Amino acid sequence: MTVRGPLHAIVLAAGEGTRMRSERPKPLHRLCGRPMVLHVLDALAELELDRVVVVVGHGAQWVTKTLADEAPHGLRIEFVEQLVQRGTGDATAVALTGLPEDDEDADVVVLPGDTPLLRPPTLAALVRHHRSTDAAGTLLTAEVESPAGYGRVVRSGEQVVRVVEEGDASDAERDIHEVNTSIYCFRRALLPAALRRLSPSNAQGEYYLTDVVEVLSGAGYSVRGMVIDDPVETAGVNDRAQLAAAEAELRDRINERWMRRGVTMWDPERTYVDTGVELSPDVALWPGVVLRGACVVGRGVEIGPDSTLIDTEVGEWSEIRYSMCERARIGSGAHVGPFAALGPGSVVADGERVAPFESRPAG
């Protein structure tokens, strides 16, 4: 294994996402209470990265401000703007302007900002595989039953020769079931020259980052592929239906994690917990519970059925039934509802009972 220098990352988040049919930039659509691109940054934050370059374009100011405010602590993030969207190859070339030019021994992970289900161990494994094989470039690939719509991975033994997009593939290439996930690790020093050799002579008239694979392979460099165990991790989000599917998968992960930490969920399929929620052991959540934002729930609390809490703090051993609480503070041993409404700033003292159908306006 060749020991290399720093590790950087490039997140491609410049696209408009027209299929979302929204004024909100695609990277900022939320899953379990957190913008999609921030789930990607959360996964990257588990790596030992020197810096992360985020390529912005559509809604650049909105995306930049959101990430500056909410990105994981400890990540060094640089923003570069792709003024004209001319493909992933062009976006990567723009991103390189945000990285040091003298990092000859560095590697760089390149991935899209619309893959919110990617797990940190998968990214770590990709980097290890890339470095252990001393490759110039390594693709994260997936074996799928129905490859339609994906770029096919063309191999010669262990060597990845090229990636061909669906619109440019031959009939034989369309029969390949190993597909590209658009997640890569490259040697930083080789990327600029390879990107300069890209051409927009394809069905979309864009500069494809996938063509770097053929450039590097054709120049005699080693290009490898690592097949992911669970292709669901690399699922991209391009429309509202895919957003809902990703939300369901992420919600299942969140619920399973909390249940393994001592939280009871009577019906996990009907329990919605955002990523920013903090739950203590022996919390019980009944069907229809929705916990949004930065809720903090103490030990032994029972919530539900059919209660919604937003940015609310709940003390130990309290009970909340069929109620709505927003930015409220509920003490220990309190009883709220059924059918109570606590507005922003409401405070419920320790042991206090909020009567059925009682409504408390903002404090």
Protein backbone atom coordinates (compact mmCIF):
# COMPACT_ATOMS: atom_id res chain seq x y z
CA MET A 1 0.00 0.00 0.00
CA THR A 2 1.34 3.40 -0.99
CA VAL A 3 0.91 5.97 1.76
CA ARG A 4 -0.31 9.17 0.24
CA GLY A 5 -0.75 12.69 1.52
CA PRO A 6 -3.90 14.64 2.43
CA LEU A 7 -7.41 13.57 1.56
CA HIS A 8 -9.83 16.13 0.10
CA ALA A 9 -13.44 15.89 -1.03
CA ILE A 10 -15.49 17.58 -3.76
CA VAL A 11 -19.27 17.72 -3.44
CA LEU A 12 -21.12 18.53 -6.67
CA ALA A 13 -24.17 20.57 -5.65
CA ALA A 14 -24.64 23.04 -8.51
CA GLY A 15 -27.56 21.48 -10.36
CA GLU A 16 -30.97 23.07 -10.60
CA GLY A 17 -32.88 19.84 -10.15
CA THR A 18 -35.68 20.69 -12.59
CA ARG A 19 -37.51 17.42 -11.89
CA MET A 20 -38.07 18.54 -8.30
CA ARG A 21 -40.31 21.31 -9.71
CA SER A 22 -39.34 23.64 -6.91
CA GLU A 23 -37.84 27.07 -6.32
CA ARG A 24 -35.75 25.49 -3.56
CA PRO A 25 -32.35 24.28 -4.83
CA LYS A 26 -32.31 20.50 -5.00
CA PRO A 27 -29.48 20.05 -2.44
CA LEU A 28 -31.59 21.87 0.17
CA HIS A 29 -34.67 19.65 0.01
CA ARG A 30 -35.04 18.10 3.43
CA LEU A 31 -34.94 14.50 4.57
CA CYS A 32 -35.82 13.84 8.20
CA GLY A 33 -35.46 17.53 8.96
CA ARG A 34 -32.01 18.06 7.40
CA PRO A 35 -31.12 19.36 3.91
CA MET A 36 -30.09 16.57 1.56
CA VAL A 37 -26.56 17.83 0.93
CA LEU A 38 -25.91 18.03 4.67
CA HIS A 39 -26.48 14.29 4.96
CA VAL A 40 -23.66 13.92 2.43
CA LEU A 41 -21.42 16.23 4.47
CA ASP A 42 -22.30 14.28 7.62
CA ALA A 43 -20.94 11.12 5.95
CA LEU A 44 -17.79 12.93 4.81
CA ALA A 45 -17.24 14.33 8.31
CA GLU A 46 -16.33 10.83 9.49
CA LEU A 47 -13.26 10.82 7.20
CA GLU A 48 -9.98 12.53 8.02
CA LEU A 49 -10.32 15.25 5.40
CA ASP A 50 -8.03 18.21 4.86
CA ARG A 51 -10.82 20.20 3.21
CA VAL A 52 -14.13 19.88 1.36
CA VAL A 53 -14.95 21.90 -1.75
CA VAL A 54 -18.66 22.34 -2.46
CA VAL A 55 -19.56 23.34 -6.01
CA VAL A 56 -22.62 25.58 -6.01
CA GLY A 57 -24.59 26.99 -8.92
CA HIS A 58 -28.38 27.24 -8.89
CA GLY A 59 -29.38 29.15 -5.75
CA ALA A 60 -25.71 29.54 -4.86
CA GLN A 61 -26.22 32.09 -2.07
CA TRP A 62 -29.01 30.05 -0.49
CA VAL A 63 -26.97 26.84 -0.56
CA THR A 64 -23.81 28.54 0.69
CA LYS A 65 -25.54 30.22 3.63
CA THR A 66 -27.31 27.01 4.65
CA LEU A 67 -24.12 25.01 4.65
CA ALA A 68 -22.16 27.72 6.43
CA ASP A 69 -24.80 27.73 9.19
CA GLU A 70 -25.49 24.00 9.51
CA ALA A 71 -22.48 22.01 8.26
CA PRO A 72 -20.83 19.55 10.69
CA HIS A 73 -18.33 21.15 13.03
CA GLY A 74 -14.71 20.52 12.12
CA LEU A 75 -15.19 20.36 8.36
CA ARG A 76 -13.12 22.90 6.47
CA ILE A 77 -15.41 23.89 3.60
CA GLU A 78 -14.58 25.99 0.56
CA PHE A 79 -17.29 27.12 -1.88
CA VAL A 80 -16.76 27.57 -5.61
CA GLU A 81 -19.44 28.56 -8.10
CA GLN A 82 -20.09 26.90 -11.43
CA LEU A 83 -21.59 29.84 -13.30
CA VAL A 84 -22.78 27.75 -16.27
CA GLN A 85 -23.82 24.13 -15.73
CA ARG A 86 -21.81 22.24 -18.34
CA GLY A 87 -21.66 18.85 -16.71
CA THR A 88 -19.94 17.03 -13.88
CA GLY A 89 -16.54 17.15 -15.55
CA ASP A 90 -16.66 20.92 -15.78
CA ALA A 91 -17.94 21.16 -12.19
CA THR A 92 -14.99 19.09 -10.97
CA ALA A 93 -12.56 21.30 -12.87
CA VAL A 94 -14.11 24.34 -11.20
CA ALA A 95 -13.83 22.62 -7.83
CA LEU A 96 -10.10 22.07 -8.21
CA THR A 97 -9.61 25.83 -7.96
CA GLY A 98 -10.59 25.47 -4.30
CA LEU A 99 -7.87 22.91 -3.56
CA PRO A 100 -4.15 23.49 -3.05
CA GLU A 101 -2.12 23.11 -6.24
CA ASP A 102 0.92 21.64 -4.51
CA ASP A 103 -0.77 18.57 -3.00
CA GLU A 104 0.96 16.15 -5.37
CA ASP A 105 0.40 13.16 -3.07
CA ALA A 106 -3.19 13.99 -2.17
CA ASP A 107 -6.32 12.02 -3.06
CA VAL A 108 -9.74 13.50 -3.61
CA VAL A 109 -13.18 11.94 -3.15
CA VAL A 110 -15.72 13.27 -5.66
CA LEU A 111 -19.42 12.69 -5.08
CA PRO A 112 -22.80 14.26 -5.84
CA GLY A 113 -24.74 16.25 -3.29
CA ASP A 114 -27.93 14.25 -3.89
CA THR A 115 -26.89 10.90 -2.35
CA PRO A 116 -28.12 11.35 1.24
CA LEU A 117 -28.16 7.64 2.13
CA LEU A 118 -24.42 7.11 1.78
CA ARG A 119 -22.86 5.68 4.95
CA PRO A 120 -19.49 6.83 6.33
CA PRO A 121 -18.01 3.28 6.42
CA THR A 122 -18.64 2.96 2.67
CA LEU A 123 -16.69 6.12 1.91
CA ALA A 124 -13.89 4.99 4.21
CA ALA A 125 -13.77 1.61 2.45
CA LEU A 126 -13.59 3.32 -0.95
CA VAL A 127 -10.58 5.38 0.13
CA ARG A 128 -8.85 2.32 1.61
CA HIS A 129 -9.46 0.31 -1.57
CA HIS A 130 -8.17 3.17 -3.71
CA ARG A 131 -4.97 3.53 -1.72
CA SER A 132 -4.32 -0.16 -1.17
CA THR A 133 -4.41 -0.83 -4.93
CA ASP A 134 -2.28 2.27 -5.69
CA ALA A 135 -4.90 3.26 -8.26
CA ALA A 136 -5.07 6.52 -10.17
CA GLY A 137 -8.84 6.42 -9.86
CA THR A 138 -11.37 4.20 -8.11
CA LEU A 139 -15.10 4.05 -8.79
CA LEU A 140 -17.75 3.00 -6.35
CA THR A 141 -19.96 0.68 -8.40
CA ALA A 142 -23.12 -1.35 -7.84
CA GLU A 143 -24.51 -4.57 -9.23
CA VAL A 144 -28.18 -4.00 -10.01
CA GLU A 145 -30.87 -6.17 -11.52
CA SER A 146 -32.30 -3.39 -13.70
CA PRO A 147 -29.46 -1.13 -14.91
CA ALA A 148 -31.58 1.04 -17.23
CA GLY A 149 -30.70 4.70 -16.87
CA TYR A 150 -27.29 4.12 -15.29
CA GLY A 151 -23.82 4.44 -16.73
CA ARG A 152 -22.38 0.97 -17.37
CA VAL A 153 -18.93 -0.01 -16.06
CA VAL A 154 -16.82 -1.60 -18.79
CA ARG A 155 -13.96 -3.75 -17.45
CA SER A 156 -10.97 -5.65 -18.72
CA GLY A 157 -10.21 -7.96 -15.84
CA GLU A 158 -9.68 -5.83 -12.72
CA GLN A 159 -9.09 -2.72 -14.81
CA VAL A 160 -12.04 -0.40 -15.41
CA VAL A 161 -11.67 0.68 -19.02
CA ARG A 162 -14.48 3.20 -19.22
CA VAL A 163 -17.96 4.16 -18.15
CA VAL A 164 -20.55 4.54 -20.87
CA GLU A 165 -23.76 6.48 -20.28
CA GLU A 166 -27.11 4.93 -21.16
CA GLY A 167 -27.69 7.23 -24.14
CA ASP A 168 -24.29 6.44 -25.62
CA ALA A 169 -24.17 2.69 -24.86
CA SER A 170 -24.27 -0.09 -27.44
CA ASP A 171 -26.71 -2.98 -27.08
CA ALA A 172 -23.96 -5.16 -25.60
CA GLU A 173 -23.00 -2.46 -23.11
CA ARG A 174 -26.61 -2.03 -22.03
CA ASP A 175 -26.55 -5.69 -20.95
CA ILE A 176 -23.90 -4.93 -18.32
CA HIS A 177 -25.34 -4.92 -14.79
CA GLU A 178 -22.43 -3.24 -13.00
CA VAL A 179 -23.23 0.46 -12.92
CA ASN A 180 -21.47 3.64 -11.91
CA THR A 181 -22.67 5.40 -8.75
CA SER A 182 -20.99 8.76 -9.56
CA ILE A 183 -18.81 8.41 -6.44
CA TYR A 184 -15.06 8.33 -7.00
CA CYS A 185 -11.63 8.65 -5.45
CA PHE A 186 -8.84 10.09 -7.65
CA ARG A 187 -5.23 11.06 -7.33
CA ARG A 188 -5.38 14.83 -7.08
CA ALA A 189 -2.27 15.37 -9.25
CA LEU A 190 -3.71 13.51 -12.24
CA LEU A 191 -7.13 15.18 -12.36
CA PRO A 192 -6.36 18.54 -14.04
CA ALA A 193 -4.72 17.04 -17.13
CA ALA A 194 -7.39 14.34 -17.41
CA LEU A 195 -10.19 16.89 -17.17
CA ARG A 196 -8.63 19.01 -19.91
CA ARG A 197 -8.96 16.06 -22.28
CA LEU A 198 -12.72 15.75 -21.87
CA SER A 199 -15.02 16.47 -24.79
CA PRO A 200 -18.75 17.32 -24.87
CA SER A 201 -19.29 15.05 -27.88
CA ASN A 202 -22.04 12.97 -26.28
CA ALA A 203 -25.82 12.77 -26.24
CA GLN A 204 -26.15 15.56 -23.64
CA GLY A 205 -23.42 17.84 -25.00
CA GLU A 206 -21.79 17.99 -21.55
CA TYR A 207 -18.39 17.29 -20.03
CA TYR A 208 -18.84 13.98 -18.22
CA LEU A 209 -16.65 13.25 -15.21
CA THR A 210 -17.12 9.59 -16.10
CA ASP A 211 -14.94 10.14 -19.19
CA VAL A 212 -11.95 10.70 -16.90
CA VAL A 213 -11.98 6.94 -16.37
CA GLU A 214 -11.28 6.28 -20.05
CA VAL A 215 -8.67 9.05 -20.17
CA LEU A 216 -6.73 7.63 -17.22
CA SER A 217 -7.08 4.02 -18.36
CA GLY A 218 -6.05 4.90 -21.91
CA ALA A 219 -2.94 6.63 -20.55
CA GLY A 220 -1.89 3.43 -18.82
CA TYR A 221 -2.94 4.27 -15.28
CA SER A 222 -4.66 1.80 -12.98
CA VAL A 223 -8.39 2.43 -12.59
CA ARG A 224 -10.31 0.16 -10.25
CA GLY A 225 -13.88 -0.38 -9.16
CA MET A 226 -15.23 -1.31 -5.74
CA VAL A 227 -18.68 -2.91 -5.75
CA ILE A 228 -20.88 -1.67 -2.92
CA ASP A 229 -22.74 -4.23 -0.80
CA ASP A 230 -26.01 -2.27 -0.62
CA PRO A 231 -26.86 -0.25 -3.75
CA VAL A 232 -29.59 1.61 -1.84
CA GLU A 233 -26.84 3.69 -0.23
CA THR A 234 -25.96 5.31 -3.54
CA ALA A 235 -29.49 6.10 -4.67
CA GLY A 236 -29.71 9.63 -6.04
CA VAL A 237 -32.67 11.95 -5.47
CA ASN A 238 -33.95 13.64 -8.61
CA ASP A 239 -37.67 14.09 -7.97
CA ARG A 240 -40.24 14.11 -5.16
CA ALA A 241 -40.93 10.37 -5.44
CA GLN A 242 -37.24 9.55 -4.96
CA LEU A 243 -37.13 12.07 -2.13
CA ALA A 244 -39.95 10.21 -0.37
CA ALA A 245 -38.21 6.86 -0.90
CA ALA A 246 -34.96 8.20 0.54
CA GLU A 247 -36.86 9.71 3.48
CA ALA A 248 -38.43 6.34 4.26
CA GLU A 249 -35.06 4.57 4.19
CA LEU A 250 -33.42 7.20 6.37
CA ARG A 251 -36.34 7.16 8.80
CA ASP A 252 -36.01 3.37 9.14
CA ARG A 253 -32.32 3.78 9.99
CA ILE A 254 -33.04 6.47 12.57
CA ASN A 255 -35.80 4.47 14.23
CA GLU A 256 -33.71 1.30 14.36
CA ARG A 257 -30.80 3.18 15.92
CA TRP A 258 -33.00 4.63 18.68
CA MET A 259 -34.73 1.33 19.39
CA ARG A 260 -31.33 -0.32 19.84
CA ARG A 261 -30.51 2.44 22.32
CA GLY A 262 -33.50 1.68 24.52
CA VAL A 263 -36.39 3.60 22.95
CA THR A 264 -39.74 1.82 22.50
CA MET A 265 -41.66 2.43 19.28
CA TRP A 266 -44.99 0.63 19.16
CA ASP A 267 -45.25 1.07 15.40
CA PRO A 268 -41.98 2.26 13.80
CA GLU A 269 -43.63 2.64 10.41
CA ARG A 270 -45.85 5.36 11.89
CA THR A 271 -43.18 7.08 13.98
CA TYR A 272 -41.29 10.04 12.51
CA VAL A 273 -38.09 11.23 14.20
CA ASP A 274 -35.85 13.90 12.66
CA THR A 275 -32.08 13.59 12.64
CA GLY A 276 -31.69 16.41 15.17
CA VAL A 277 -33.83 14.79 17.87
CA GLU A 278 -32.26 13.50 21.10
CA LEU A 279 -34.01 10.65 22.94
CA SER A 280 -33.14 9.05 26.30
CA PRO A 281 -33.53 5.38 27.28
CA ASP A 282 -37.00 4.18 28.24
CA VAL A 283 -38.77 6.77 26.09
CA ALA A 284 -41.94 5.28 24.57
CA LEU A 285 -43.36 6.61 21.32
CA TRP A 286 -46.88 5.59 20.35
CA PRO A 287 -48.15 5.39 16.74
CA GLY A 288 -48.52 8.68 14.93
CA VAL A 289 -45.79 10.54 16.84
CA VAL A 290 -43.86 13.19 14.90
CA LEU A 291 -40.72 14.66 16.47
CA ARG A 292 -39.31 17.51 14.38
CA GLY A 293 -36.30 19.74 14.66
CA ALA A 294 -34.17 19.78 17.81
CA CYS A 295 -36.44 18.02 20.31
CA VAL A 296 -34.83 16.72 23.51
CA VAL A 297 -36.79 14.04 25.34
CA GLY A 298 -35.87 12.80 28.84
CA ARG A 299 -35.87 9.32 30.30
CA GLY A 300 -39.17 7.48 30.71
CA VAL A 301 -41.27 9.95 28.72
CA GLU A 302 -44.34 8.63 26.89
CA ILE A 303 -45.51 10.53 23.81
CA GLY A 304 -48.60 9.87 21.72
CA PRO A 305 -50.58 8.54 20.13
CA ASP A 306 -50.80 11.18 17.38
CA SER A 307 -48.69 13.91 18.98
CA THR A 308 -46.39 16.35 17.20
CA LEU A 309 -43.46 18.05 18.91
CA ILE A 310 -41.31 20.70 17.22
CA ASP A 311 -38.09 21.95 18.86
CA THR A 312 -39.52 21.02 22.25
CA GLU A 313 -37.77 19.93 25.45
CA VAL A 314 -39.48 17.32 27.63
CA GLY A 315 -38.32 16.43 31.17
CA GLU A 316 -38.15 12.90 32.60
CA TRP A 317 -41.25 10.74 33.13
CA SER A 318 -43.69 13.15 31.50
CA GLU A 319 -46.69 12.09 29.38
CA ILE A 320 -48.01 13.81 26.27
CA ARG A 321 -51.22 12.58 24.62
CA TYR A 322 -52.78 13.64 21.30
CA SER A 323 -51.16 17.07 21.51
CA MET A 324 -49.23 19.69 19.54
CA CYS A 325 -46.19 21.33 21.14
CA GLU A 326 -43.96 23.84 19.34
CA ARG A 327 -40.81 25.33 20.88
CA ALA A 328 -42.15 24.54 24.34
CA ARG A 329 -40.43 23.48 27.57
CA ILE A 330 -42.15 20.72 29.53
CA GLY A 331 -40.83 19.85 32.97
CA SER A 332 -40.36 16.46 34.60
CA GLY A 333 -43.40 14.41 35.62
CA ALA A 334 -45.78 16.65 33.69
CA HIS A 335 -48.96 15.55 31.92
CA VAL A 336 -50.04 17.24 28.69
CA GLY A 337 -53.37 16.62 26.97
CA PRO A 338 -55.08 14.92 25.41
CA PHE A 339 -55.69 17.47 22.67
CA ALA A 340 -53.60 20.24 24.20
CA ALA A 341 -51.73 22.85 22.18
CA LEU A 342 -48.54 24.50 23.46
CA GLY A 343 -47.35 27.46 21.42
CA PRO A 344 -43.79 28.76 21.07
CA GLY A 345 -42.29 29.76 24.39
CA SER A 346 -44.82 27.88 26.51
CA VAL A 347 -43.47 26.47 29.79
CA VAL A 348 -45.00 23.58 31.73
CA ALA A 349 -43.67 23.25 35.27
CA ASP A 350 -42.50 20.01 36.88
CA GLY A 351 -45.50 17.87 37.77
CA GLU A 352 -47.98 20.28 36.16
CA ARG A 353 -51.03 19.01 34.30
CA VAL A 354 -52.15 20.71 31.09
CA ALA A 355 -55.86 20.02 30.81
CA PRO A 356 -57.50 18.34 27.82
CA PHE A 357 -58.19 20.81 24.98
CA GLU A 358 -56.18 23.51 26.77
CA SER A 359 -54.33 25.90 24.47
CA ARG A 360 -51.39 27.98 25.56
CA PRO A 361 -50.28 30.74 23.22
CA ALA A 362 -46.71 31.82 22.71
CA GLY A 363 -45.03 32.77 25.96
